[in-house]
């Protein structure tokens, strides 16, 4: 399974698979650590895309260049 698959009819939510595995995103924290998480799905927000990830036991929406709290 490779490629992008839309989760709804409007195309505002999608997942991206690479060799059968969901894509990952690497984000920085305020202390400078790098954290890699698998993306549950992407969501369009205006001209941007938000990634839905799990961080510290919560589901959050982040931009690709966002800095997370420790």
PDB file of N, CA and C in Angstrom:
ATOM      1  N   UNK A   1       0.847  -1.167   0.000  1.00  0.00           N
ATOM      2  CA  UNK A   1       0.000   0.000   0.000  1.00  0.00           C
ATOM      3  C   UNK A   1       0.897   1.236   0.000  1.00  0.00           C
ATOM      4  N   UNK A   2       0.833   2.007  -1.031  1.00  0.00           N
ATOM      5  CA  UNK A   2       1.609   3.239  -1.152  1.00  0.00           C
ATOM      6  C   UNK A   2       0.703   4.364  -1.613  1.00  0.00           C
ATOM      7  N   UNK A   3       1.045   5.585  -1.245  1.00  0.00           N
ATOM      8  CA  UNK A   3       0.330   6.737  -1.760  1.00  0.00           C
ATOM      9  C   UNK A   3      -0.543   7.426  -0.745  1.00  0.00           C
ATOM     10  N   UNK A   4      -1.369   8.320  -1.270  1.00  0.00           N
ATOM     11  CA  UNK A   4      -2.264   9.136  -0.462  1.00  0.00           C
ATOM     12  C   UNK A   4      -3.690   8.639  -0.617  1.00  0.00           C
ATOM     13  N   UNK A   5      -4.391   8.504   0.500  1.00  0.00           N
ATOM     14  CA  UNK A   5      -5.772   8.046   0.502  1.00  0.00           C
ATOM     15  C   UNK A   5      -6.618   9.057   1.263  1.00  0.00           C
ATOM     16  N   UNK A   6      -7.710   9.493   0.660  1.00  0.00           N
ATOM     17  CA  UNK A   6      -8.582  10.481   1.272  1.00  0.00           C
ATOM     18  C   UNK A   6      -9.580   9.796   2.191  1.00  0.00           C
ATOM     19  N   UNK A   7      -9.842  10.408   3.337  1.00  0.00           N
ATOM     20  CA  UNK A   7     -10.724   9.825   4.341  1.00  0.00           C
ATOM     21  C   UNK A   7     -12.155  10.325   4.247  1.00  0.00           C
ATOM     22  N   UNK A   8     -12.383  11.393   3.481  1.00  0.00           N
ATOM     23  CA  UNK A   8     -13.740  11.897   3.338  1.00  0.00           C
ATOM     24  C   UNK A   8     -13.946  12.384   1.900  1.00  0.00           C
ATOM     25  N   UNK A   9     -15.170  12.685   1.554  1.00  0.00           N
ATOM     26  CA  UNK A   9     -15.494  13.067   0.178  1.00  0.00           C
ATOM     27  C   UNK A   9     -14.992  14.453  -0.201  1.00  0.00           C
ATOM     28  N   UNK A  10     -14.797  15.331   0.758  1.00  0.00           N
ATOM     29  CA  UNK A  10     -14.353  16.689   0.430  1.00  0.00           C
ATOM     30  C   UNK A  10     -12.839  16.785   0.249  1.00  0.00           C
ATOM     31  N   UNK A  11     -12.093  15.774   0.662  1.00  0.00           N
ATOM     32  CA  UNK A  11     -10.650  15.779   0.505  1.00  0.00           C
ATOM     33  C   UNK A  11      -9.915  16.587   1.555  1.00  0.00           C
ATOM     34  N   UNK A  12     -10.573  16.912   2.658  1.00  0.00           N
ATOM     35  CA  UNK A  12      -9.932  17.728   3.685  1.00  0.00           C
ATOM     36  C   UNK A  12      -9.156  16.894   4.703  1.00  0.00           C
ATOM     37  N   UNK A  13      -9.298  15.571   4.656  1.00  0.00           N
ATOM     38  CA  UNK A  13      -8.549  14.675   5.536  1.00  0.00           C
ATOM     39  C   UNK A  13      -7.962  13.545   4.696  1.00  0.00           C
ATOM     40  N   UNK A  14      -6.691  13.224   4.972  1.00  0.00           N
ATOM     41  CA  UNK A  14      -6.055  12.167   4.209  1.00  0.00           C
ATOM     42  C   UNK A  14      -4.939  11.515   5.016  1.00  0.00           C
ATOM     43  N   UNK A  15      -4.533  10.325   4.576  1.00  0.00           N
ATOM     44  CA  UNK A  15      -3.389   9.614   5.141  1.00  0.00           C
ATOM     45  C   UNK A  15      -2.405   9.368   4.015  1.00  0.00           C
ATOM     46  N   UNK A  16      -1.145   9.224   4.362  1.00  0.00           N
ATOM     47  CA  UNK A  16      -0.111   8.966   3.367  1.00  0.00           C
ATOM     48  C   UNK A  16       0.696   7.756   3.814  1.00  0.00           C
ATOM     49  N   UNK A  17       0.751   6.731   2.959  1.00  0.00           N
ATOM     50  CA  UNK A  17       1.476   5.504   3.259  1.00  0.00           C
ATOM     51  C   UNK A  17       2.741   5.422   2.413  1.00  0.00           C
ATOM     52  N   UNK A  18       3.817   4.976   3.035  1.00  0.00           N
ATOM     53  CA  UNK A  18       5.075   4.707   2.352  1.00  0.00           C
ATOM     54  C   UNK A  18       5.436   3.258   2.653  1.00  0.00           C
ATOM     55  N   UNK A  19       5.392   2.401   1.642  1.00  0.00           N
ATOM     56  CA  UNK A  19       5.655   0.961   1.790  1.00  0.00           C
ATOM     57  C   UNK A  19       4.780   0.322   2.868  1.00  0.00           C
ATOM     58  N   UNK A  20       3.517   0.704   2.913  1.00  0.00           N
ATOM     59  CA  UNK A  20       2.556   0.120   3.841  1.00  0.00           C
ATOM     60  C   UNK A  20       2.600   0.681   5.246  1.00  0.00           C
ATOM     61  N   UNK A  21       3.409   1.691   5.497  1.00  0.00           N
ATOM     62  CA  UNK A  21       3.531   2.290   6.827  1.00  0.00           C
ATOM     63  C   UNK A  21       3.105   3.752   6.746  1.00  0.00           C
ATOM     64  N   UNK A  22       2.336   4.196   7.735  1.00  0.00           N
ATOM     65  CA  UNK A  22       1.925   5.604   7.762  1.00  0.00           C
ATOM     66  C   UNK A  22       3.144   6.508   7.876  1.00  0.00           C
ATOM     67  N   UNK A  23       3.044   7.681   7.277  1.00  0.00           N
ATOM     68  CA  UNK A  23       4.169   8.619   7.293  1.00  0.00           C
ATOM     69  C   UNK A  23       4.423   9.125   8.709  1.00  0.00           C
ATOM     70  N   UNK A  24       5.654   9.564   8.946  1.00  0.00           N
ATOM     71  CA  UNK A  24       6.072  10.079  10.250  1.00  0.00           C
ATOM     72  C   UNK A  24       6.451  11.542  10.123  1.00  0.00           C
ATOM     73  N   UNK A  25       6.463  12.215  11.270  1.00  0.00           N
ATOM     74  CA  UNK A  25       6.859  13.616  11.316  1.00  0.00           C
ATOM     75  C   UNK A  25       7.819  13.780  12.483  1.00  0.00           C
ATOM     76  N   UNK A  26       8.876  14.567  12.284  1.00  0.00           N
ATOM     77  CA  UNK A  26       9.850  14.845  13.333  1.00  0.00           C
ATOM     78  C   UNK A  26       9.703  16.303  13.749  1.00  0.00           C
ATOM     79  N   UNK A  27       9.479  16.508  15.039  1.00  0.00           N
ATOM     80  CA  UNK A  27       9.274  17.847  15.590  1.00  0.00           C
ATOM     81  C   UNK A  27      10.293  18.112  16.684  1.00  0.00           C
ATOM     82  N   UNK A  28      10.575  19.381  16.934  1.00  0.00           N
ATOM     83  CA  UNK A  28      11.486  19.777  18.002  1.00  0.00           C
ATOM     84  C   UNK A  28      10.688  20.202  19.220  1.00  0.00           C
ATOM     85  N   UNK A  29      11.316  20.028  20.400  1.00  0.00           N
ATOM     86  CA  UNK A  29      10.718  20.513  21.637  1.00  0.00           C
ATOM     87  C   UNK A  29      11.445  21.785  22.051  1.00  0.00           C
ATOM     88  N   UNK A  30      10.938  22.440  23.073  1.00  0.00           N
ATOM     89  CA  UNK A  30      11.549  23.675  23.550  1.00  0.00           C
ATOM     90  C   UNK A  30      12.961  23.458  24.080  1.00  0.00           C
ATOM     91  N   UNK A  31      13.250  22.267  24.600  1.00  0.00           N
ATOM     92  CA  UNK A  31      14.588  21.973  25.125  1.00  0.00           C
ATOM     93  C   UNK A  31      15.557  21.545  24.030  1.00  0.00           C
ATOM     94  N   UNK A  32      15.089  21.417  22.795  1.00  0.00           N
ATOM     95  CA  UNK A  32      15.965  21.071  21.686  1.00  0.00           C
ATOM     96  C   UNK A  32      15.939  19.611  21.277  1.00  0.00           C
ATOM     97  N   UNK A  33      15.173  18.774  21.970  1.00  0.00           N
ATOM     98  CA  UNK A  33      15.058  17.368  21.604  1.00  0.00           C
ATOM     99  C   UNK A  33      14.230  17.219  20.338  1.00  0.00           C
ATOM    100  N   UNK A  34      14.490  16.156  19.598  1.00  0.00           N
ATOM    101  CA  UNK A  34      13.687  15.853  18.415  1.00  0.00           C
ATOM    102  C   UNK A  34      12.817  14.644  18.705  1.00  0.00           C
ATOM    103  N   UNK A  35      11.542  14.750  18.364  1.00  0.00           N
ATOM    104  CA  UNK A  35      10.572  13.692  18.618  1.00  0.00           C
ATOM    105  C   UNK A  35       9.950  13.283  17.294  1.00  0.00           C
ATOM    106  N   UNK A  36       9.951  11.983  17.012  1.00  0.00           N
ATOM    107  CA  UNK A  36       9.347  11.466  15.790  1.00  0.00           C
ATOM    108  C   UNK A  36       8.067  10.722  16.152  1.00  0.00           C
ATOM    109  N   UNK A  37       6.988  11.057  15.475  1.00  0.00           N
ATOM    110  CA  UNK A  37       5.691  10.427  15.702  1.00  0.00           C
ATOM    111  C   UNK A  37       5.058  10.057  14.368  1.00  0.00           C
ATOM    112  N   UNK A  38       4.286   8.961  14.371  1.00  0.00           N
ATOM    113  CA  UNK A  38       3.519   8.608  13.183  1.00  0.00           C
ATOM    114  C   UNK A  38       2.296   9.501  13.114  1.00  0.00           C
ATOM    115  N   UNK A  39       1.933   9.891  11.923  1.00  0.00           N
ATOM    116  CA  UNK A  39       0.793  10.785  11.715  1.00  0.00           C
ATOM    117  C   UNK A  39      -0.460   9.939  11.559  1.00  0.00           C
ATOM    118  N   UNK A  40      -1.464  10.169  12.416  1.00  0.00           N
ATOM    119  CA  UNK A  40      -2.741   9.456  12.292  1.00  0.00           C
ATOM    120  C   UNK A  40      -3.421   9.833  10.988  1.00  0.00           C
ATOM    121  N   UNK A  41      -3.509  11.132  10.733  1.00  0.00           N
ATOM    122  CA  UNK A  41      -4.008  11.648   9.458  1.00  0.00           C
ATOM    123  C   UNK A  41      -3.670  13.118   9.354  1.00  0.00           C
ATOM    124  N   UNK A  42      -3.742  13.625   8.143  1.00  0.00           N
ATOM    125  CA  UNK A  42      -3.518  15.044   7.880  1.00  0.00           C
ATOM    126  C   UNK A  42      -4.866  15.711   7.655  1.00  0.00           C
ATOM    127  N   UNK A  43      -4.931  17.007   7.958  1.00  0.00           N
ATOM    128  CA  UNK A  43      -6.162  17.768   7.783  1.00  0.00           C
ATOM    129  C   UNK A  43      -5.813  19.128   7.186  1.00  0.00           C
ATOM    130  N   UNK A  44      -6.592  19.559   6.208  1.00  0.00           N
ATOM    131  CA  UNK A  44      -6.319  20.871   5.614  1.00  0.00           C
ATOM    132  C   UNK A  44      -6.848  21.963   6.533  1.00  0.00           C
ATOM    133  N   UNK A  45      -6.097  23.038   6.607  1.00  0.00           N
ATOM    134  CA  UNK A  45      -6.462  24.205   7.415  1.00  0.00           C
ATOM    135  C   UNK A  45      -6.058  25.421   6.604  1.00  0.00           C
ATOM    136  N   UNK A  46      -6.985  25.954   5.857  1.00  0.00           N
ATOM    137  CA  UNK A  46      -6.672  27.050   4.946  1.00  0.00           C
ATOM    138  C   UNK A  46      -5.746  26.567   3.857  1.00  0.00           C
ATOM    139  N   UNK A  47      -4.611  27.239   3.688  1.00  0.00           N
ATOM    140  CA  UNK A  47      -3.612  26.826   2.712  1.00  0.00           C
ATOM    141  C   UNK A  47      -2.550  25.918   3.318  1.00  0.00           C
ATOM    142  N   UNK A  48      -2.740  25.467   4.536  1.00  0.00           N
ATOM    143  CA  UNK A  48      -1.760  24.665   5.250  1.00  0.00           C
ATOM    144  C   UNK A  48      -2.329  23.290   5.559  1.00  0.00           C
ATOM    145  N   UNK A  49      -1.470  22.418   6.072  1.00  0.00           N
ATOM    146  CA  UNK A  49      -1.905  21.087   6.503  1.00  0.00           C
ATOM    147  C   UNK A  49      -1.496  20.888   7.951  1.00  0.00           C
ATOM    148  N   UNK A  50      -2.401  20.338   8.730  1.00  0.00           N
ATOM    149  CA  UNK A  50      -2.132  19.982  10.115  1.00  0.00           C
ATOM    150  C   UNK A  50      -1.951  18.473  10.200  1.00  0.00           C
ATOM    151  N   UNK A  51      -1.025  18.036  11.028  1.00  0.00           N
ATOM    152  CA  UNK A  51      -0.823  16.614  11.264  1.00  0.00           C
ATOM    153  C   UNK A  51      -1.426  16.262  12.612  1.00  0.00           C
ATOM    154  N   UNK A  52      -2.196  15.208  12.662  1.00  0.00           N
ATOM    155  CA  UNK A  52      -2.770  14.732  13.916  1.00  0.00           C
ATOM    156  C   UNK A  52      -1.848  13.641  14.449  1.00  0.00           C
ATOM    157  N   UNK A  53      -1.265  13.890  15.647  1.00  0.00           N
ATOM    158  CA  UNK A  53      -0.341  12.946  16.252  1.00  0.00           C
ATOM    159  C   UNK A  53      -0.735  12.707  17.701  1.00  0.00           C
ATOM    160  N   UNK A  54      -0.108  11.722  18.308  1.00  0.00           N
ATOM    161  CA  UNK A  54      -0.282  11.459  19.730  1.00  0.00           C
ATOM    162  C   UNK A  54       0.991  11.903  20.442  1.00  0.00           C
ATOM    163  N   UNK A  55       0.848  12.774  21.454  1.00  0.00           N
ATOM    164  CA  UNK A  55       1.990  13.294  22.196  1.00  0.00           C
ATOM    165  C   UNK A  55       1.616  13.405  23.664  1.00  0.00           C
ATOM    166  N   UNK A  56       2.390  12.775  24.512  1.00  0.00           N
ATOM    167  CA  UNK A  56       2.158  12.758  25.961  1.00  0.00           C
ATOM    168  C   UNK A  56       0.760  12.251  26.304  1.00  0.00           C
ATOM    169  N   UNK A  57       0.312  11.227  25.600  1.00  0.00           N
ATOM    170  CA  UNK A  57      -0.973  10.599  25.878  1.00  0.00           C
ATOM    171  C   UNK A  57      -2.181  11.344  25.365  1.00  0.00           C
ATOM    172  N   UNK A  58      -1.973  12.396  24.589  1.00  0.00           N
ATOM    173  CA  UNK A  58      -3.083  13.172  24.047  1.00  0.00           C
ATOM    174  C   UNK A  58      -2.973  13.246  22.537  1.00  0.00           C
ATOM    175  N   UNK A  59      -4.098  13.358  21.868  1.00  0.00           N
ATOM    176  CA  UNK A  59      -4.131  13.579  20.433  1.00  0.00           C
ATOM    177  C   UNK A  59      -4.074  15.086  20.195  1.00  0.00           C
ATOM    178  N   UNK A  60      -3.093  15.525  19.410  1.00  0.00           N
ATOM    179  CA  UNK A  60      -2.946  16.955  19.148  1.00  0.00           C
ATOM    180  C   UNK A  60      -2.794  17.188  17.648  1.00  0.00           C
ATOM    181  N   UNK A  61      -3.073  18.419  17.240  1.00  0.00           N
ATOM    182  CA  UNK A  61      -2.889  18.842  15.853  1.00  0.00           C
ATOM    183  C   UNK A  61      -1.698  19.783  15.805  1.00  0.00           C
ATOM    184  N   UNK A  62      -0.757  19.536  14.891  1.00  0.00           N
ATOM    185  CA  UNK A  62       0.445  20.362  14.819  1.00  0.00           C
ATOM    186  C   UNK A  62       0.767  20.704  13.371  1.00  0.00           C
ATOM    187  N   UNK A  63       1.435  21.834  13.189  1.00  0.00           N
ATOM    188  CA  UNK A  63       2.021  22.175  11.908  1.00  0.00           C
ATOM    189  C   UNK A  63       3.367  21.461  11.802  1.00  0.00           C
ATOM    190  N   UNK A  64       3.902  21.357  10.610  1.00  0.00           N
ATOM    191  CA  UNK A  64       5.156  20.644  10.394  1.00  0.00           C
ATOM    192  C   UNK A  64       6.368  21.296  11.015  1.00  0.00           C
ATOM    193  N   UNK A  65       6.315  22.604  11.291  1.00  0.00           N
ATOM    194  CA  UNK A  65       7.466  23.303  11.864  1.00  0.00           C
ATOM    195  C   UNK A  65       7.202  23.801  13.289  1.00  0.00           C
ATOM    196  N   UNK A  66       6.193  23.270  13.933  1.00  0.00           N
ATOM    197  CA  UNK A  66       5.819  23.709  15.272  1.00  0.00           C
ATOM    198  C   UNK A  66       6.807  23.195  16.321  1.00  0.00           C
ATOM    199  N   UNK A  67       7.034  23.988  17.367  1.00  0.00           N
ATOM    200  CA  UNK A  67       7.892  23.587  18.476  1.00  0.00           C
ATOM    201  C   UNK A  67       6.992  23.179  19.639  1.00  0.00           C
ATOM    202  N   UNK A  68       7.196  21.951  20.125  1.00  0.00           N
ATOM    203  CA  UNK A  68       6.336  21.397  21.170  1.00  0.00           C
ATOM    204  C   UNK A  68       6.864  21.755  22.566  1.00  0.00           C
ATOM    205  N   UNK A  69       5.957  21.805  23.535  1.00  0.00           N
ATOM    206  CA  UNK A  69       6.344  22.007  24.930  1.00  0.00           C
ATOM    207  C   UNK A  69       6.902  20.715  25.492  1.00  0.00           C
ATOM    208  N   UNK A  70       7.796  20.840  26.466  1.00  0.00           N
ATOM    209  CA  UNK A  70       8.362  19.651  27.122  1.00  0.00           C
ATOM    210  C   UNK A  70       7.426  19.070  28.133  1.00  0.00           C
TER     211      UNK A  70
END
